[in-house]
Amino acid sequence: MIVGIGVDVVHVKRFEHWMDNQKLLERFFHPAELRTALSRKSGACLSLAARFAAKEAFGKALGTGLKGIVLKDIMVENKHNGQPVIVLFESARLALEKSGAAKIHVSLTHETDNAVAMIVLESI
């Protein structure tokens, strides 16, 4: 059963300014997530924008927003085939448990100007 759906769009230009602020990046992104995105060199900004959109979409899917959730407790990583998956830690994991959901489906897309994420939360 679907517990919640969330969608978010982020303007990539917003993140161009963030790229020069390491403390800001460390505040919002899990260290492993940040390392992976930054290794993409010219694609780092697009990657981070899409991941940030996923975090926002996750809060919307919960129906509670991100109140009480540390954003770096939500990590987006990719499987070997490129499929994005969400990995939750501490505050985000607790929020998911409270929602009654057990599975997270995520889809990301981006272009030059925008990054979009969709999250579907499912109970099993």
Protein backbone atom coordinates (compact mmCIF):
# COMPACT_ATOMS: atom_id res chain seq x y z
CA MET A 1 0.00 0.00 0.00
CA ILE A 2 1.25 3.50 -0.80
CA VAL A 3 1.81 5.53 2.36
CA GLY A 4 2.92 8.77 0.69
CA ILE A 5 4.16 10.46 -2.47
CA GLY A 6 6.43 13.48 -2.68
CA VAL A 7 7.84 15.50 -5.57
CA ASP A 8 10.32 18.37 -5.52
CA VAL A 9 12.06 20.53 -8.10
CA VAL A 10 15.26 22.47 -7.44
CA HIS A 11 16.83 25.21 -9.56
CA VAL A 12 20.40 24.09 -10.21
CA LYS A 13 21.74 27.68 -10.15
CA ARG A 14 20.96 27.76 -6.42
CA PHE A 15 23.55 25.03 -5.92
CA GLU A 16 26.21 26.73 -8.00
CA HIS A 17 26.58 29.17 -5.09
CA TRP A 18 26.72 26.32 -2.58
CA MET A 19 29.68 24.66 -4.30
CA ASP A 20 32.09 27.18 -2.78
CA ASN A 21 30.76 26.69 0.76
CA GLN A 22 32.04 23.37 2.15
CA LYS A 23 30.37 23.90 5.56
CA LEU A 24 26.99 24.36 3.91
CA LEU A 25 27.45 21.23 1.82
CA GLU A 26 28.48 19.24 4.91
CA ARG A 27 25.38 20.48 6.72
CA PHE A 28 22.96 19.10 4.12
CA PHE A 29 24.70 16.05 2.65
CA HIS A 30 25.97 12.81 4.14
CA PRO A 31 29.79 12.57 3.83
CA ALA A 32 29.65 9.56 1.47
CA GLU A 33 26.98 11.25 -0.64
CA LEU A 34 29.06 14.41 -0.87
CA ARG A 35 32.22 12.51 -1.85
CA THR A 36 30.41 10.67 -4.63
CA ALA A 37 28.76 13.80 -6.02
CA LEU A 38 31.95 15.86 -5.91
CA SER A 39 33.84 13.10 -7.73
CA ARG A 40 31.58 13.79 -10.72
CA LYS A 41 33.51 17.04 -11.31
CA SER A 42 31.43 19.11 -13.76
CA GLY A 43 28.31 17.09 -12.91
CA ALA A 44 28.62 17.64 -9.16
CA CYS A 45 26.23 20.56 -9.02
CA LEU A 46 23.51 18.68 -10.93
CA SER A 47 24.04 15.62 -8.75
CA LEU A 48 23.75 17.58 -5.50
CA ALA A 49 20.68 19.47 -6.71
CA ALA A 50 18.91 16.19 -7.55
CA ARG A 51 19.86 14.72 -4.19
CA PHE A 52 18.61 17.77 -2.34
CA ALA A 53 15.33 17.52 -4.26
CA ALA A 54 15.08 13.89 -3.11
CA LYS A 55 15.47 14.96 0.52
CA GLU A 56 12.69 17.53 0.12
CA ALA A 57 10.47 15.03 -1.70
CA PHE A 58 11.03 12.53 1.13
CA GLY A 59 9.68 15.05 3.65
CA LYS A 60 6.65 15.65 1.44
CA ALA A 61 6.03 11.92 1.08
CA LEU A 62 6.08 11.58 4.86
CA GLY A 63 3.35 14.20 5.03
CA THR A 64 5.18 15.95 7.85
CA GLY A 65 7.89 17.80 5.98
CA LEU A 66 11.45 17.66 7.25
CA LYS A 67 10.78 18.99 10.74
CA GLY A 68 13.02 17.13 13.18
CA ILE A 69 15.02 15.44 10.41
CA VAL A 70 18.70 16.13 9.90
CA LEU A 71 19.12 16.37 6.13
CA LYS A 72 22.41 14.51 6.05
CA ASP A 73 20.54 11.58 7.67
CA ILE A 74 18.97 11.11 4.20
CA MET A 75 21.55 9.82 1.74
CA VAL A 76 21.01 9.18 -1.95
CA GLU A 77 23.37 6.67 -3.50
CA ASN A 78 23.36 4.74 -6.73
CA LYS A 79 23.35 1.00 -7.30
CA HIS A 80 25.93 -0.47 -9.67
CA ASN A 81 23.47 0.06 -12.57
CA GLY A 82 22.93 3.74 -11.70
CA GLN A 83 19.53 3.34 -10.05
CA PRO A 84 19.20 5.80 -7.15
CA VAL A 85 18.31 4.48 -3.70
CA ILE A 86 17.66 6.24 -0.41
CA VAL A 87 19.61 5.20 2.68
CA LEU A 88 18.33 6.57 5.99
CA PHE A 89 20.13 7.21 9.25
CA GLU A 90 18.97 8.17 12.74
CA SER A 91 16.37 10.98 12.54
CA ALA A 92 15.22 10.08 9.01
CA ARG A 93 14.95 6.38 9.83
CA LEU A 94 12.79 7.19 12.88
CA ALA A 95 10.53 9.39 10.75
CA LEU A 96 10.09 6.59 8.21
CA GLU A 97 9.24 4.10 10.97
CA LYS A 98 6.62 6.49 12.39
CA SER A 99 5.04 6.85 8.95
CA GLY A 100 4.36 3.12 8.70
CA ALA A 101 6.31 2.86 5.45
CA ALA A 102 8.93 0.18 4.93
CA LYS A 103 10.07 0.74 1.34
CA ILE A 104 11.22 3.86 -0.50
CA HIS A 105 11.04 4.25 -4.27
CA VAL A 106 12.99 7.17 -5.76
CA SER A 107 13.36 8.65 -9.21
CA LEU A 108 15.69 11.53 -10.09
CA THR A 109 16.11 13.59 -13.23
CA HIS A 110 17.96 16.76 -14.10
CA GLU A 111 18.73 19.14 -16.90
CA THR A 112 20.84 22.25 -17.11
CA ASP A 113 18.43 24.37 -15.06
CA ASN A 114 16.37 22.02 -12.91
CA ALA A 115 16.61 18.83 -10.89
CA VAL A 116 13.49 16.85 -9.98
CA ALA A 117 12.93 14.02 -7.52
CA MET A 118 9.93 11.82 -6.84
CA ILE A 119 9.58 9.61 -3.77
CA VAL A 120 6.95 6.95 -3.14
CA LEU A 121 6.70 5.43 0.32
CA GLU A 122 5.22 1.96 0.53
CA SER A 123 4.18 -0.24 3.44
CA ILE A 124 4.70 -3.96 3.17
